[in-house]
Amino acid sequence: MRVISQNGAIDVPYEMTAFHLAGGMIRMNMVGDTGKGTLMAQYETPEKAEKAMEMLHKAYTGIMPSLVIDRNAKLDEESMKALINSIAGVFVKPANAGDIDVHMLPRIFQFPTDDEIEVEE
């Protein structure tokens, strides 16, 4: 997945990046970079920054299952591998023992602007 900064000037791969909160700011470091990080988004409150990070996490893990195959399908190992390899851009995890839960991964996430985020006070 690609992550775009709030202002659209920075585009990084999620899988090779560490994101961290610093007050109302979200910064990122590329793997191996130990500096203070690059500003990706800035919010009026730490709570809004936390909400934006939560949105990023949900975007990456996918929150809408697109396919669930129940254990009665009895897929053998070869069929399971074929299913996983045939679906590009998905995250496959077991929902229950023997089940397969497939989620589509978004391709791009851009940090929302400050006024696009609402937090309960």
Protein backbone atom coordinates (compact mmCIF):
# COMPACT_ATOMS: atom_id res chain seq x y z
CA MET A 1 0.00 0.00 0.00
CA ARG A 2 1.16 3.54 -0.73
CA VAL A 3 0.82 6.27 1.92
CA ILE A 4 0.52 9.88 0.80
CA SER A 5 1.30 12.82 3.08
CA GLN A 6 -1.43 15.22 4.09
CA ASN A 7 -0.25 17.83 1.57
CA GLY A 8 0.32 15.25 -1.18
CA ALA A 9 4.05 15.98 -1.51
CA ILE A 10 5.33 12.67 -0.08
CA ASP A 11 4.48 9.14 -1.26
CA VAL A 12 5.96 6.16 0.60
CA PRO A 13 5.43 2.39 0.75
CA TYR A 14 3.66 1.41 3.99
CA GLU A 15 5.53 -1.89 4.20
CA MET A 16 8.95 -0.16 4.36
CA THR A 17 8.00 2.71 6.65
CA ALA A 18 7.61 3.29 10.39
CA PHE A 19 4.97 5.87 11.35
CA HIS A 20 4.98 7.49 14.77
CA LEU A 21 3.00 10.07 16.71
CA ALA A 22 4.67 13.17 18.13
CA GLY A 23 1.95 15.25 19.78
CA GLY A 24 -0.33 16.42 16.98
CA MET A 25 2.15 15.35 14.29
CA ILE A 26 2.55 12.10 12.42
CA ARG A 27 6.09 11.46 11.25
CA MET A 28 7.58 8.62 9.26
CA ASN A 29 10.97 7.01 8.94
CA MET A 30 12.01 4.68 6.19
CA VAL A 31 13.30 1.34 7.49
CA GLY A 32 16.83 1.84 8.84
CA ASP A 33 16.49 5.63 9.24
CA THR A 34 17.02 6.65 12.87
CA GLY A 35 16.45 10.41 12.50
CA LYS A 36 13.47 12.39 13.80
CA GLY A 37 11.46 11.46 10.72
CA THR A 38 9.64 13.29 7.97
CA LEU A 39 6.39 15.12 8.72
CA MET A 40 3.49 13.35 7.02
CA ALA A 41 0.55 15.10 8.72
CA GLN A 42 -0.15 17.69 11.38
CA TYR A 43 -3.29 18.11 13.50
CA GLU A 44 -4.56 20.61 16.07
CA THR A 45 -4.72 17.97 18.81
CA PRO A 46 -2.96 14.69 19.66
CA GLU A 47 -6.39 13.03 19.63
CA LYS A 48 -6.89 13.93 15.97
CA ALA A 49 -3.43 12.57 15.15
CA GLU A 50 -4.30 9.32 16.97
CA LYS A 51 -7.54 9.08 14.98
CA ALA A 52 -5.61 9.57 11.71
CA MET A 53 -3.21 6.76 12.73
CA GLU A 54 -6.20 4.54 13.49
CA MET A 55 -7.57 5.33 10.02
CA LEU A 56 -4.21 4.35 8.50
CA HIS A 57 -4.20 1.03 10.38
CA LYS A 58 -7.77 0.22 9.30
CA ALA A 59 -6.95 1.09 5.70
CA TYR A 60 -4.00 -1.30 5.73
CA THR A 61 -5.68 -4.28 7.37
CA GLY A 62 -8.89 -3.85 5.39
CA ILE A 63 -12.11 -3.64 7.36
CA MET A 64 -14.57 -5.00 4.81
CA PRO A 65 -14.41 -8.73 4.18
CA SER A 66 -15.06 -9.50 0.56
CA LEU A 67 -15.03 -13.28 0.81
CA VAL A 68 -15.45 -15.81 3.59
CA ILE A 69 -15.11 -19.51 2.87
CA ASP A 70 -16.35 -21.66 5.70
CA ARG A 71 -14.64 -24.75 7.06
CA ASN A 72 -17.11 -27.03 5.28
CA ALA A 73 -15.44 -26.09 2.00
CA LYS A 74 -12.60 -28.42 3.06
CA LEU A 75 -9.93 -26.85 0.88
CA ASP A 76 -6.82 -28.97 0.60
CA GLU A 77 -3.38 -27.38 0.89
CA GLU A 78 -2.94 -27.09 -2.88
CA SER A 79 -6.33 -25.38 -3.33
CA MET A 80 -5.57 -23.02 -0.44
CA LYS A 81 -2.25 -22.00 -2.04
CA ALA A 82 -3.98 -21.49 -5.40
CA LEU A 83 -6.60 -19.23 -3.76
CA ILE A 84 -4.00 -17.13 -1.96
CA ASN A 85 -1.79 -16.81 -5.05
CA SER A 86 -4.68 -15.99 -7.39
CA ILE A 87 -5.91 -12.92 -5.52
CA ALA A 88 -3.52 -9.98 -5.78
CA GLY A 89 -3.79 -7.26 -3.17
CA VAL A 90 -5.60 -9.15 -0.44
CA PHE A 91 -4.91 -10.13 3.14
CA VAL A 92 -6.00 -13.66 4.00
CA LYS A 93 -6.41 -14.60 7.65
CA PRO A 94 -8.31 -17.34 9.44
CA ALA A 95 -11.62 -16.16 10.93
CA ASN A 96 -12.07 -19.43 12.82
CA ALA A 97 -10.20 -22.69 12.68
CA GLY A 98 -10.64 -23.95 9.13
CA ASP A 99 -12.20 -20.73 7.80
CA ILE A 100 -10.63 -18.29 5.37
CA ASP A 101 -11.42 -14.58 5.67
CA VAL A 102 -10.26 -12.47 2.72
CA HIS A 103 -9.94 -8.67 2.91
CA MET A 104 -9.14 -6.38 0.00
CA LEU A 105 -6.23 -4.07 0.74
CA PRO A 106 -6.56 -0.47 -0.36
CA ARG A 107 -3.86 0.63 -2.75
CA ILE A 108 -3.47 4.23 -1.51
CA PHE A 109 -4.08 6.07 1.79
CA GLN A 110 -3.70 9.83 2.12
CA PHE A 111 -3.66 11.43 5.55
CA PRO A 112 -6.83 13.52 5.91
CA THR A 113 -6.75 17.23 6.65
CA ASP A 114 -7.33 18.45 10.20
CA ASP A 115 -10.93 19.49 9.52
CA GLU A 116 -11.77 16.09 7.99
CA ILE A 117 -11.23 14.35 11.35
CA GLU A 118 -13.78 14.42 14.15
CA VAL A 119 -13.03 13.18 17.65
CA GLU A 120 -15.41 12.87 20.58
CA GLU A 121 -14.56 15.13 23.47
